[in-house]
Amino acid sequence: QVQLVESGGGLVQAGGSLRLSCAASGRTFSSYPTGWFRQAPGKEREFVAGINWSSSNTYYSDSVKGRFTISRDNAKNTVYLQMNSLKPEDTAVYYCARLLSTNWITPLVNYWGQGTQVTVSS
C-alpha cells in the first residue's frame, strides 16, 4: 500500500504562481514514474505532467507546457509541480498519481492522491 498526499493548493491571482507537493509514504518501491492530473467541474480529467525516477524523462500537456515544471526529490519521496503564469482555466482539483510506466500517451495509474484545490482568480 502506498499513500500519496498533495499539498500547496490555494487561491492565487491570474499571473501568479503556486508549487504543489506530492509526498509518498507507506510501502513504496520508489522507482515508479509520477504524474499530475487535474479535473475541473464539468470537465474531463486531464493528464498535465509526468516524470520518471531519474528526472530524465518528463511530459507536459499542451495546455501547461512552458508554464508548469514537474520535479522530484527522491530523498524526500516527494514530487513537485511548479505552476507559473497561472490562468483562470488552470482552476481545478489537482491529483498526483504513481504511474506504471512512462507511456505518457496512455498513463496507467496504480495509486492516487486525495487531491488539492487550485483556484485562479481573474
Protein backbone atom coordinates (compact mmCIF):
# COMPACT_ATOMS: atom_id res chain seq x y z
CA GLN A 1 0.00 0.00 0.00
CA VAL A 2 1.24 3.45 -0.98
CA GLN A 3 -0.21 6.74 0.22
CA LEU A 4 0.16 9.94 -1.77
CA VAL A 5 -0.63 13.27 -0.11
CA GLU A 6 -0.85 16.50 -2.06
CA SER A 7 -0.38 19.94 -0.57
CA GLY A 8 0.26 23.50 -1.70
CA GLY A 9 -3.01 24.34 -3.36
CA GLY A 10 -4.90 27.53 -2.69
CA LEU A 11 -6.21 30.75 -4.17
CA VAL A 12 -3.98 32.83 -6.41
CA GLN A 13 -4.49 35.70 -8.82
CA ALA A 14 -4.01 35.25 -12.54
CA GLY A 15 -0.34 35.52 -13.41
CA GLY A 16 0.75 34.22 -10.04
CA SER A 17 2.50 31.02 -9.02
CA LEU A 18 1.96 28.02 -6.78
CA ARG A 19 4.03 24.95 -6.03
CA LEU A 20 2.23 21.71 -5.36
CA SER A 21 3.85 18.87 -3.46
CA CYS A 22 3.08 15.16 -3.51
CA ALA A 23 4.60 13.17 -0.66
CA ALA A 24 4.63 9.38 -0.78
CA SER A 25 4.54 7.14 2.26
CA GLY A 26 3.82 3.54 3.14
CA ARG A 27 5.30 0.57 1.36
CA THR A 28 7.00 2.08 -1.65
CA PHE A 29 9.06 0.63 -4.42
CA SER A 30 10.42 4.02 -5.26
CA SER A 31 11.39 3.70 -8.91
CA TYR A 32 8.00 4.44 -10.42
CA PRO A 33 7.10 7.44 -12.55
CA THR A 34 4.76 10.01 -11.07
CA GLY A 35 2.18 12.18 -12.75
CA TRP A 36 -0.11 15.10 -12.05
CA PHE A 37 -3.72 15.19 -13.21
CA ARG A 38 -6.35 17.87 -12.83
CA GLN A 39 -10.11 17.95 -13.02
CA ALA A 40 -12.37 20.97 -13.14
CA PRO A 41 -16.14 20.82 -12.56
CA GLY A 42 -17.91 19.61 -15.67
CA LYS A 43 -14.66 18.81 -17.45
CA GLU A 44 -12.79 15.62 -18.18
CA ARG A 45 -9.77 14.72 -16.08
CA GLU A 46 -6.58 15.87 -17.79
CA PHE A 47 -3.07 14.43 -17.53
CA VAL A 48 -0.92 17.54 -17.22
CA ALA A 49 2.61 16.38 -16.33
CA GLY A 50 4.72 13.29 -15.71
CA ILE A 51 8.24 12.49 -14.56
CA ASN A 52 10.33 9.34 -14.32
CA TRP A 53 12.52 8.34 -11.37
CA SER A 54 15.73 9.92 -12.63
CA SER A 55 14.00 13.10 -13.88
CA SER A 56 15.45 12.40 -17.33
CA ASN A 57 12.05 11.98 -18.95
CA THR A 58 9.24 14.47 -18.45
CA TYR A 59 5.91 15.17 -20.07
CA TYR A 60 3.66 18.22 -20.21
CA SER A 61 0.29 18.67 -21.79
CA ASP A 62 -0.01 21.39 -24.40
CA SER A 63 -2.18 23.41 -22.04
CA VAL A 64 0.59 23.81 -19.43
CA LYS A 65 3.79 23.47 -21.46
CA GLY A 66 6.15 26.35 -20.80
CA ARG A 67 4.33 27.38 -17.63
CA PHE A 68 4.49 24.32 -15.37
CA THR A 69 7.56 22.37 -14.26
CA ILE A 70 7.50 18.92 -12.69
CA SER A 71 10.40 17.83 -10.49
CA ARG A 72 11.17 15.37 -7.74
CA ASP A 73 13.31 14.95 -4.65
CA ASN A 74 13.74 11.22 -4.23
CA ALA A 75 15.41 11.57 -0.83
CA LYS A 76 12.16 13.13 0.41
CA ASN A 77 9.87 10.83 -1.60
CA THR A 78 8.27 13.98 -2.95
CA VAL A 79 7.25 15.18 -6.40
CA TYR A 80 6.54 18.84 -7.11
CA LEU A 81 4.57 20.77 -9.66
CA GLN A 82 5.72 24.36 -10.02
CA MET A 83 2.92 26.35 -11.65
CA ASN A 84 3.77 29.76 -13.06
CA SER A 85 1.79 32.29 -15.07
CA LEU A 86 -1.41 30.80 -13.78
CA LYS A 87 -4.63 31.36 -15.67
CA PRO A 88 -8.25 31.04 -14.55
CA GLU A 89 -8.51 27.99 -16.81
CA ASP A 90 -5.99 26.26 -14.53
CA THR A 91 -8.59 26.20 -11.76
CA ALA A 92 -9.15 22.55 -10.83
CA VAL A 93 -8.53 19.88 -8.26
CA TYR A 94 -5.01 18.60 -8.83
CA TYR A 95 -4.15 14.97 -8.14
CA CYS A 96 -0.80 13.24 -8.06
CA ALA A 97 -0.55 9.61 -9.04
CA ARG A 98 2.00 6.84 -9.21
CA LEU A 99 2.26 5.53 -12.74
CA LEU A 100 3.18 2.11 -14.07
CA SER A 101 5.28 3.36 -16.97
CA THR A 102 6.47 6.39 -18.90
CA ASN A 103 3.87 5.84 -21.58
CA TRP A 104 2.64 9.42 -21.37
CA ILE A 105 0.09 8.96 -24.14
CA THR A 106 -1.79 6.36 -22.10
CA PRO A 107 -0.79 6.89 -18.46
CA LEU A 108 -1.69 3.98 -16.21
CA VAL A 109 -2.27 4.80 -12.55
CA ASN A 110 -1.90 2.41 -9.64
CA TYR A 111 -2.18 4.92 -6.75
CA TRP A 112 -3.97 8.27 -6.46
CA GLY A 113 -3.58 11.11 -4.03
CA GLN A 114 -6.59 12.79 -2.44
CA GLY A 115 -6.32 15.98 -4.47
CA THR A 116 -5.69 19.62 -3.68
CA GLN A 117 -7.76 22.56 -4.89
CA VAL A 118 -6.17 25.25 -7.02
CA THR A 119 -8.26 28.35 -7.73
CA VAL A 120 -7.01 31.11 -10.02
CA SER A 121 -8.95 34.35 -9.90
CA SER A 122 -9.10 36.93 -12.66
